[in-house]
Amino acid sequence: MRAEQQYIDLFSRYEALVCRGSVDVLNVPRAKAFADFERLGFPTRKQETYKYTDVGKYFAPDFGLNLNRLEFPVNPYEVFKCDVPNMSTSLYFVVNDSFDKHDHPSAQLPEGVLFGSLKDLAGQYPDLVKKYYGKLADTSTDGLTAFNTMFAQDGVLMYVPKGVMIERPIQLVNILRADVDTMANRRLLIIVEEGAQVKLLVCDHAMDNVNFLSTQVTEVFVGERAVFDLYELEETHNSTVRFNQLFVDQQAESNVLLNGITLHNGTTRNTTKVTLSGRGAEVSLCGMAIADKNEQVDNHTFIDHKVPDCTSNELFKYVLDDHAVGAFAGKVLVRPDAQHTSSQQTNRNICATREARMYTQPQLEIYADDVKCSHGATVGQLDENALFYMQQRGIPLKEARLLLMFAFVNEVIDHIRMDALKDRLHRLVEKRFRGELNKCQGCTICK
């Protein structure tokens, strides 16, 4: 039996239960998503965009889904203590795929800002959610998007009204918690209106040593002259599979920074699609992966320059050890009317062993004649001359390798516009390279 069939049968049998655990705004698109999933199925490796990840293989096992919306007996505020010095955030949690309702004094936001359960806020503000939900995540072209739209019953809504500047970063921690192999399907809907400013840090953690599979679809709408930072930090374990899809639409003169860092995982597939819809929009898209053992990290990006005078800068770096596998496919499209586009795409990779594998495919498609664009990729090993030079000056080989790898990935971390987070990541990356526990010291989940 194909992996798809068990989910087609499951949804056909329990559609009413799925809808009962959610709200109308999220339920309306399910029928179309189901029809699209029946037609498309899971992406296969025959498709160029999924060439290096066998999606169906990861969905084939029998995972538990919490369609009844049962609450898990955990108060994340009691077990999670973020130890990043001087980083005062408004802290929220999602447990598997349900927004956590525990109150916490750190969650303080300006008047008019919404941050909470997508299901609950869609019930309170149906017109707002209906205007945006599903408008970027097209179920007709991608089976994973259709699958998530079929089964996602909750998630997070963040709404920042026009002109509101949130100085204090918002932190969202996704916790995977279960006693049996479990699947979580969640949605994030982010709306940053004209002239607003906000920073969001999303952290992924796994609390229990069972097999987890998570799908997440994030839709981000950034208004004119708005400034939005999204940082994603993945620190789970080797039995975790993550399919993450991020869709961003930017209006005129908006400024967006997207920075995704994988420090510890099992298998990760990140899809990022950015559309520059307004003149003068600017995006910085960065990513970093450190992988060893049999871990796999696959990043697929697409930046669409639709209008003139927009800027995109893309930087991805991988360090792969043991039998780890990395993949990067990045495409920049400059449409015929997008004159005066400035775009730079860079992918740099280190394979620390002969068994590690890196597949890279930078792409640049230009249909305008007055542009400044470049792209490039490299795959190599640590510089033997540099290692020899450092050893001559009394630095042990192991320490020399660590210093070179640390310097290699620092460029991605330095793009972060939160000094406290930047400093903490420098320390976490160093611990990761040293093979030490790469978890936050104050988090009892991660010990």
Protein backbone atom coordinates (compact mmCIF):
# COMPACT_ATOMS: atom_id res chain seq x y z
CA MET A 1 0.00 0.00 0.00
CA ARG A 2 1.26 3.45 -0.85
CA ALA A 3 2.01 5.71 2.09
CA GLU A 4 -0.74 8.06 0.91
CA GLN A 5 -3.52 5.51 1.16
CA GLN A 6 -3.55 5.21 4.95
CA TYR A 7 -4.03 8.98 5.23
CA ILE A 8 -6.68 9.08 2.52
CA ASP A 9 -8.57 6.38 4.40
CA LEU A 10 -8.01 8.12 7.74
CA PHE A 11 -9.31 11.47 6.56
CA SER A 12 -12.28 9.90 4.75
CA ARG A 13 -13.27 8.12 7.95
CA TYR A 14 -12.59 10.89 10.46
CA GLU A 15 -13.17 14.12 8.53
CA ALA A 16 -16.00 15.12 10.88
CA LEU A 17 -13.75 14.56 13.90
CA VAL A 18 -10.95 16.62 12.37
CA CYS A 19 -13.36 19.48 11.69
CA ARG A 20 -14.92 19.23 15.14
CA GLY A 21 -11.50 19.84 16.69
CA SER A 22 -10.98 23.05 14.71
CA VAL A 23 -13.01 26.03 13.40
CA ASP A 24 -14.81 26.94 10.18
CA VAL A 25 -12.07 29.14 8.73
CA LEU A 26 -9.58 26.26 8.89
CA ASN A 27 -12.18 23.64 7.92
CA VAL A 28 -13.42 25.23 4.69
CA PRO A 29 -10.21 24.52 2.68
CA ARG A 30 -9.98 20.88 3.84
CA ALA A 31 -12.18 19.38 1.13
CA LYS A 32 -10.16 20.94 -1.68
CA ALA A 33 -6.92 20.00 0.07
CA PHE A 34 -8.11 16.40 0.34
CA ALA A 35 -8.96 16.30 -3.36
CA ASP A 36 -5.55 17.79 -4.19
CA PHE A 37 -3.78 15.26 -1.98
CA GLU A 38 -5.65 12.35 -3.57
CA ARG A 39 -4.50 13.64 -6.97
CA LEU A 40 -0.91 14.60 -6.07
CA GLY A 41 0.05 12.25 -3.25
CA PHE A 42 3.36 12.85 -1.51
CA PRO A 43 6.16 14.37 -3.58
CA THR A 44 8.54 11.77 -5.02
CA ARG A 45 12.22 11.86 -5.83
CA LYS A 46 11.31 11.93 -9.50
CA GLN A 47 10.34 15.57 -8.94
CA GLU A 48 13.31 17.90 -9.24
CA THR A 49 12.37 19.87 -6.10
CA TYR A 50 12.34 16.72 -3.94
CA LYS A 51 15.21 14.91 -5.62
CA TYR A 52 17.14 14.22 -2.41
CA THR A 53 14.33 13.50 0.08
CA ASP A 54 12.08 10.44 -0.12
CA VAL A 55 8.99 11.99 1.49
CA GLY A 56 6.72 8.93 1.31
CA LYS A 57 9.24 6.80 3.21
CA TYR A 58 8.92 8.99 6.30
CA PHE A 59 5.10 8.94 6.28
CA ALA A 60 4.84 5.16 5.79
CA PRO A 61 5.06 4.20 9.53
CA ASP A 62 1.93 4.24 11.67
CA PHE A 63 2.08 7.51 13.61
CA GLY A 64 -0.42 8.60 16.21
CA LEU A 65 -2.40 11.77 15.44
CA ASN A 66 -4.18 13.69 18.18
CA LEU A 67 -7.40 14.26 16.23
CA ASN A 68 -9.43 14.34 19.47
CA ARG A 69 -7.34 17.30 20.71
CA LEU A 70 -6.45 15.63 24.01
CA GLU A 71 -4.31 17.77 26.29
CA PHE A 72 -0.86 16.48 27.19
CA PRO A 73 0.02 16.61 30.90
CA VAL A 74 2.85 19.11 30.70
CA ASN A 75 3.21 22.74 31.70
CA PRO A 76 6.04 23.94 29.45
CA TYR A 77 6.63 27.05 31.56
CA GLU A 78 7.70 24.76 34.41
CA VAL A 79 10.15 22.67 32.38
CA PHE A 80 11.53 25.20 29.91
CA LYS A 81 13.88 27.90 31.17
CA CYS A 82 15.64 29.73 28.36
CA ASP A 83 19.14 30.59 29.54
CA VAL A 84 20.05 33.12 26.86
CA PRO A 85 21.55 36.02 28.85
CA ASN A 86 19.85 39.39 28.49
CA MET A 87 17.31 38.08 25.98
CA SER A 88 14.00 39.07 27.50
CA THR A 89 11.26 37.69 25.27
CA SER A 90 7.52 37.30 25.28
CA LEU A 91 7.43 33.52 25.59
CA TYR A 92 4.78 31.15 24.17
CA PHE A 93 4.57 27.41 23.52
CA VAL A 94 3.03 24.93 21.12
CA VAL A 95 2.87 21.35 22.42
CA ASN A 96 2.90 19.06 19.37
CA ASP A 97 0.32 20.95 17.31
CA SER A 98 -1.77 22.70 20.00
CA PHE A 99 -1.12 26.19 21.31
CA ASP A 100 -0.44 26.05 25.04
CA LYS A 101 -2.97 28.01 27.11
CA HIS A 102 -0.94 28.46 30.33
CA ASP A 103 -0.51 32.12 31.24
CA HIS A 104 2.93 33.54 31.87
CA PRO A 105 3.93 37.04 32.98
CA SER A 106 6.62 37.29 30.29
CA ALA A 107 3.97 37.28 27.55
CA GLN A 108 3.38 41.03 27.36
CA LEU A 109 2.47 42.58 24.03
CA PRO A 110 1.35 46.08 22.94
CA GLU A 111 -2.34 46.84 22.62
CA GLY A 112 -3.87 45.56 19.40
CA VAL A 113 -1.28 42.85 18.84
CA LEU A 114 -2.62 39.30 18.61
CA PHE A 115 -0.54 36.24 19.40
CA GLY A 116 -2.17 32.97 20.31
CA SER A 117 -4.02 29.87 19.21
CA LEU A 118 -4.90 30.03 15.51
CA LYS A 119 -8.03 28.01 16.20
CA ASP A 120 -9.25 30.29 19.01
CA LEU A 121 -8.36 33.57 17.31
CA ALA A 122 -9.90 32.41 14.02
CA GLY A 123 -13.11 31.93 15.97
CA GLN A 124 -12.87 35.45 17.41
CA TYR A 125 -11.60 37.19 14.26
CA PRO A 126 -12.88 35.05 11.36
CA ASP A 127 -12.72 37.83 8.75
CA LEU A 128 -9.07 38.58 9.52
CA VAL A 129 -7.98 34.95 9.30
CA LYS A 130 -10.13 34.22 6.26
CA LYS A 131 -8.48 37.11 4.39
CA TYR A 132 -5.04 35.52 4.68
CA TYR A 133 -5.27 31.82 5.55
CA GLY A 134 -4.26 29.57 2.66
CA LYS A 135 -3.59 32.45 0.28
CA LEU A 136 0.14 31.69 -0.08
CA ALA A 137 0.15 27.96 0.69
CA ASP A 138 -1.23 26.49 -2.55
CA THR A 139 -2.56 22.96 -2.06
CA SER A 140 -3.03 22.41 -5.79
CA THR A 141 0.69 22.23 -6.55
CA ASP A 142 2.27 20.47 -3.56
CA GLY A 143 1.14 17.31 -1.80
CA LEU A 144 2.81 18.21 1.52
CA THR A 145 0.96 21.53 1.67
CA ALA A 146 -2.29 19.72 0.89
CA PHE A 147 -1.57 17.12 3.59
CA ASN A 148 -0.95 19.78 6.24
CA THR A 149 -4.09 21.71 5.23
CA MET A 150 -6.12 18.49 5.56
CA PHE A 151 -5.01 17.67 9.08
CA ALA A 152 -3.86 20.89 10.80
CA GLN A 153 -6.40 21.83 13.50
CA ASP A 154 -4.48 24.51 15.37
CA GLY A 155 -1.28 26.51 15.39
CA VAL A 156 -0.40 30.15 15.93
CA LEU A 157 -1.68 33.50 14.70
CA MET A 158 0.51 36.57 15.02
CA TYR A 159 -1.04 39.88 13.99
CA VAL A 160 0.82 43.20 14.34
CA PRO A 161 -1.34 46.22 13.44
CA LYS A 162 -0.26 49.12 11.28
CA GLY A 163 2.59 51.20 12.70
CA VAL A 164 3.09 49.11 15.88
CA MET A 165 6.73 48.54 16.85
CA ILE A 166 7.33 45.59 19.20
CA GLU A 167 10.71 46.16 20.81
CA ARG A 168 10.70 42.96 22.83
CA PRO A 169 11.26 39.83 20.69
CA ILE A 170 8.59 37.13 20.70
CA GLN A 171 9.73 33.57 21.30
CA LEU A 172 7.70 30.53 20.28
CA VAL A 173 8.86 27.10 21.41
CA ASN A 174 7.49 24.06 19.58
CA ILE A 175 7.67 21.07 21.93
CA LEU A 176 7.22 17.51 20.72
CA ARG A 177 5.83 15.44 23.61
CA ALA A 178 4.47 11.87 23.48
CA ASP A 179 4.84 8.34 24.83
CA VAL A 180 4.33 6.72 21.42
CA ASP A 181 5.41 7.55 17.86
CA THR A 182 3.53 10.75 17.03
CA MET A 183 2.79 13.11 14.16
CA ALA A 184 2.10 16.82 14.65
CA ASN A 185 0.61 19.09 11.96
CA ARG A 186 0.54 22.79 12.73
CA ARG A 187 0.00 26.12 10.95
CA LEU A 188 1.50 29.54 11.56
CA LEU A 189 -0.16 32.64 10.15
CA ILE A 190 1.85 35.85 10.51
CA ILE A 191 0.50 39.26 9.49
CA VAL A 192 2.74 42.33 9.88
CA GLU A 193 0.88 45.39 8.68
CA GLU A 194 2.21 48.58 7.12
CA GLY A 195 5.03 50.23 9.06
CA ALA A 196 5.04 47.62 11.85
CA GLN A 197 8.19 46.02 13.29
CA VAL A 198 8.61 42.69 15.11
CA LYS A 199 11.16 39.91 15.71
CA LEU A 200 10.06 36.28 16.15
CA LEU A 201 12.26 33.41 17.35
CA VAL A 202 10.88 29.88 16.80
CA CYS A 203 12.64 26.99 18.58
CA ASP A 204 11.96 23.30 17.96
CA HIS A 205 12.59 20.78 20.78
CA ALA A 206 11.73 17.11 21.32
CA MET A 207 10.93 16.13 24.89
CA ASP A 208 10.69 12.34 24.57
CA ASN A 209 12.85 9.73 22.89
CA VAL A 210 10.23 8.36 20.48
CA ASN A 211 9.79 8.82 16.74
CA PHE A 212 8.28 12.18 15.82
CA LEU A 213 7.15 13.51 12.46
CA SER A 214 6.07 17.14 12.20
CA THR A 215 4.69 19.18 9.32
CA GLN A 216 4.49 22.93 9.59
CA VAL A 217 3.18 25.46 7.08
CA THR A 218 3.91 29.14 7.78
CA GLU A 219 2.35 32.00 5.82
CA VAL A 220 3.87 35.45 6.31
CA PHE A 221 2.40 38.71 5.01
CA VAL A 222 4.62 41.78 5.39
CA GLY A 223 3.08 45.17 4.61
CA GLU A 224 4.64 48.30 3.16
CA ARG A 225 7.68 49.62 5.06
CA ALA A 226 7.28 46.87 7.67
CA VAL A 227 10.31 45.18 9.23
CA PHE A 228 10.15 41.51 10.20
CA ASP A 229 12.79 39.09 11.49
CA LEU A 230 12.16 35.34 11.70
CA TYR A 231 14.73 33.10 13.36
CA GLU A 232 14.21 29.33 13.41
CA LEU A 233 16.38 27.13 15.62
CA GLU A 234 16.07 23.34 15.41
CA GLU A 235 17.45 21.26 18.28
CA THR A 236 15.62 17.94 18.43
CA HIS A 237 17.08 14.42 18.17
CA ASN A 238 17.94 11.73 15.63
CA SER A 239 14.45 10.17 15.66
CA THR A 240 12.73 13.37 14.52
CA VAL A 241 11.56 14.11 10.97
CA ARG A 242 10.54 17.68 10.13
CA PHE A 243 8.87 19.03 7.00
CA ASN A 244 8.77 22.81 7.22
CA GLN A 245 7.27 25.07 4.56
CA LEU A 246 7.57 28.84 4.74
CA PHE A 247 5.77 31.22 2.37
CA VAL A 248 6.48 34.97 2.52
CA ASP A 249 4.90 37.87 0.62
CA GLN A 250 6.52 41.33 0.87
CA GLN A 251 5.06 44.66 -0.07
CA ALA A 252 6.86 47.88 -1.07
CA GLU A 253 9.94 48.90 0.93
CA SER A 254 9.50 46.11 3.43
CA ASN A 255 12.56 44.54 5.04
CA VAL A 256 12.65 40.86 6.00
CA LEU A 257 15.37 38.72 7.56
CA LEU A 258 14.91 34.94 7.55
CA ASN A 259 17.52 32.88 9.37
CA GLY A 260 17.15 29.13 9.87
CA ILE A 261 19.67 27.11 11.89
CA THR A 262 19.71 23.32 12.30
CA LEU A 263 21.98 22.23 15.13
CA HIS A 264 20.59 18.76 15.87
CA ASN A 265 17.98 16.71 14.02
CA GLY A 266 17.12 13.45 12.31
CA THR A 267 15.79 14.41 8.87
CA THR A 268 14.80 17.95 7.96
CA ARG A 269 13.28 19.32 4.78
CA ASN A 270 12.82 23.12 4.67
CA THR A 271 11.01 24.79 1.78
CA THR A 272 11.13 28.60 1.64
CA LYS A 273 9.33 30.69 -0.98
CA VAL A 274 9.64 34.48 -0.90
CA THR A 275 7.69 36.75 -3.25
CA LEU A 276 8.85 40.36 -3.59
CA SER A 277 5.55 41.94 -4.62
CA GLY A 278 6.23 45.61 -3.85
CA ARG A 279 8.84 47.98 -5.21
CA GLY A 280 11.90 48.44 -3.01
CA ALA A 281 11.34 45.29 -0.93
CA GLU A 282 14.44 43.68 0.57
CA VAL A 283 14.99 40.16 1.91
CA SER A 284 17.97 38.45 3.53
CA LEU A 285 17.60 34.67 3.53
CA CYS A 286 20.19 32.77 5.57
CA GLY A 287 20.59 29.18 6.66
CA MET A 288 23.07 26.98 8.46
CA ALA A 289 23.21 23.25 9.16
CA ILE A 290 25.57 21.21 11.31
CA ALA A 291 24.98 17.50 10.82
CA ASP A 292 26.73 14.27 11.74
CA LYS A 293 25.93 10.56 12.17
CA ASN A 294 23.16 9.82 9.62
CA GLU A 295 21.40 13.18 9.87
CA GLN A 296 19.98 14.81 6.76
CA VAL A 297 19.20 18.48 6.05
CA ASP A 298 17.55 19.49 2.77
CA ASN A 299 16.87 23.17 2.02
CA HIS A 300 14.92 24.29 -1.03
CA THR A 301 14.48 28.02 -1.61
CA PHE A 302 12.75 30.17 -4.22
CA ILE A 303 12.92 33.97 -4.38
CA ASP A 304 10.56 35.59 -6.88
CA HIS A 305 11.45 39.14 -7.98
CA LYS A 306 8.13 40.29 -9.46
CA VAL A 307 8.68 44.07 -9.51
CA PRO A 308 11.58 46.51 -10.01
CA ASP A 309 14.10 47.83 -7.47
CA CYS A 310 14.08 44.87 -5.07
CA THR A 311 17.05 43.28 -3.31
CA SER A 312 17.66 39.71 -2.18
CA ASN A 313 20.71 38.29 -0.42
CA GLU A 314 20.91 34.55 0.20
CA LEU A 315 23.56 32.69 2.20
CA PHE A 316 23.53 29.00 3.22
CA LYS A 317 26.36 27.07 4.85
CA TYR A 318 26.63 23.38 5.82
CA VAL A 319 29.16 21.44 7.88
CA LEU A 320 28.69 17.68 7.44
CA ASP A 321 30.46 14.96 9.40
CA ASP A 322 30.29 11.14 9.55
CA HIS A 323 27.62 9.90 7.08
CA ALA A 324 25.49 13.06 7.12
CA VAL A 325 23.71 14.21 3.94
CA GLY A 326 23.06 17.80 2.96
CA ALA A 327 21.14 19.27 0.04
CA PHE A 328 20.59 22.83 -1.13
CA ALA A 329 18.57 23.91 -4.15
CA GLY A 330 18.07 27.65 -4.45
CA LYS A 331 16.34 29.43 -7.31
CA VAL A 332 16.11 33.16 -7.93
CA LEU A 333 13.62 34.27 -10.57
CA VAL A 334 13.82 37.80 -12.02
CA ARG A 335 10.68 38.51 -14.02
CA PRO A 336 10.60 40.69 -17.18
CA ASP A 337 9.35 43.81 -15.37
CA ALA A 338 11.77 43.48 -12.44
CA GLN A 339 14.39 45.95 -13.64
CA HIS A 340 17.11 47.20 -11.26
CA THR A 341 17.01 43.95 -9.31
CA SER A 342 19.98 43.21 -7.05
CA SER A 343 20.35 39.57 -6.07
CA GLN A 344 23.18 37.54 -4.58
CA GLN A 345 23.04 33.82 -3.76
CA THR A 346 25.86 31.92 -2.04
CA ASN A 347 26.10 28.32 -0.83
CA ARG A 348 29.30 27.12 0.90
CA ASN A 349 29.77 23.61 2.28
CA ILE A 350 32.32 21.53 4.15
CA CYS A 351 32.35 17.73 4.16
CA ALA A 352 34.53 16.74 7.11
CA THR A 353 34.67 13.06 6.03
CA ARG A 354 34.74 11.21 2.72
CA GLU A 355 31.44 9.54 3.64
CA ALA A 356 29.51 12.80 4.06
CA ARG A 357 27.51 13.91 1.02
CA MET A 358 26.47 17.37 -0.14
CA TYR A 359 24.25 18.10 -3.15
CA THR A 360 23.98 21.71 -4.27
CA GLN A 361 22.05 23.29 -7.11
CA PRO A 362 22.07 27.11 -7.28
CA GLN A 363 19.82 28.50 -10.01
CA LEU A 364 19.38 31.97 -11.45
CA GLU A 365 16.67 32.72 -14.02
CA ILE A 366 16.68 36.27 -15.42
CA TYR A 367 14.19 37.84 -17.83
CA ALA A 368 15.16 41.49 -17.29
CA ASP A 369 18.20 43.24 -18.78
CA ASP A 370 19.09 45.89 -16.17
CA VAL A 371 19.97 43.79 -13.12
CA LYS A 372 22.89 42.96 -10.84
CA CYS A 373 22.78 39.25 -9.97
CA SER A 374 25.24 36.55 -8.96
CA HIS A 375 25.17 33.04 -7.61
CA GLY A 376 27.66 30.35 -6.69
CA ALA A 377 28.34 27.23 -4.65
CA THR A 378 31.35 25.35 -3.31
CA VAL A 379 31.83 21.95 -1.67
CA GLY A 380 35.15 21.11 -0.06
CA GLN A 381 37.04 19.96 2.97
CA LEU A 382 38.93 21.85 5.64
CA ASP A 383 41.99 23.70 4.39
CA GLU A 384 44.96 21.37 5.00
CA ASN A 385 47.42 24.26 4.78
CA ALA A 386 45.54 26.19 7.43
CA LEU A 387 45.42 23.11 9.67
CA PHE A 388 49.18 22.59 9.22
CA TYR A 389 49.89 26.26 9.92
CA MET A 390 47.86 26.19 13.16
CA GLN A 391 49.49 22.96 14.34
CA GLN A 392 52.93 24.50 13.77
CA ARG A 393 51.94 27.16 16.28
CA GLY A 394 51.04 24.65 18.95
CA ILE A 395 47.29 24.26 18.34
CA PRO A 396 46.22 20.60 18.55
CA LEU A 397 44.65 19.16 15.38
CA LYS A 398 41.22 18.68 16.99
CA GLU A 399 41.16 22.28 18.23
CA ALA A 400 42.39 23.58 14.88
CA ARG A 401 39.58 21.76 13.05
CA LEU A 402 37.06 23.18 15.50
CA LEU A 403 38.33 26.74 15.04
CA LEU A 404 38.17 26.51 11.26
CA MET A 405 34.63 25.11 11.28
CA PHE A 406 33.51 27.70 13.80
CA ALA A 407 34.91 30.53 11.68
CA PHE A 408 33.25 29.03 8.60
CA VAL A 409 29.67 29.20 9.95
CA ASN A 410 30.05 32.48 11.86
CA GLU A 411 29.01 34.52 8.83
CA VAL A 412 25.46 33.15 9.03
CA ILE A 413 25.18 33.82 12.76
CA ASP A 414 26.47 37.36 12.32
CA HIS A 415 23.43 38.23 10.18
CA ILE A 416 21.23 37.91 13.29
CA ARG A 417 19.87 41.26 14.50
CA MET A 418 19.51 40.18 18.14
CA ASP A 419 22.81 40.51 20.01
CA ALA A 420 21.85 38.21 22.90
CA LEU A 421 20.74 35.45 20.52
CA LYS A 422 23.84 35.91 18.40
CA ASP A 423 26.12 35.51 21.41
CA ARG A 424 24.24 32.44 22.63
CA LEU A 425 24.39 30.77 19.23
CA HIS A 426 28.13 31.28 19.08
CA ARG A 427 28.39 29.24 22.28
CA LEU A 428 25.89 26.59 21.17
CA VAL A 429 27.69 26.08 17.86
CA GLU A 430 31.02 25.71 19.62
CA LYS A 431 29.54 23.08 21.95
CA ARG A 432 28.01 21.28 18.96
CA PHE A 433 31.36 21.05 17.21
CA ARG A 434 32.99 19.80 20.39
CA GLY A 435 30.47 16.97 20.56
CA GLU A 436 29.12 18.20 23.89
CA LEU A 437 25.45 18.45 24.78
CA ASN A 438 24.22 21.18 22.50
CA LYS A 439 21.17 21.99 24.58
CA CYS A 440 20.22 25.12 26.47
CA GLN A 441 21.62 24.72 29.98
CA GLY A 442 18.52 25.98 31.74
CA CYS A 443 16.03 23.83 29.83
CA THR A 444 15.03 20.69 31.68
CA ILE A 445 13.49 19.39 28.45
CA CYS A 446 16.91 19.30 26.82
CA LYS A 447 18.98 17.77 29.62
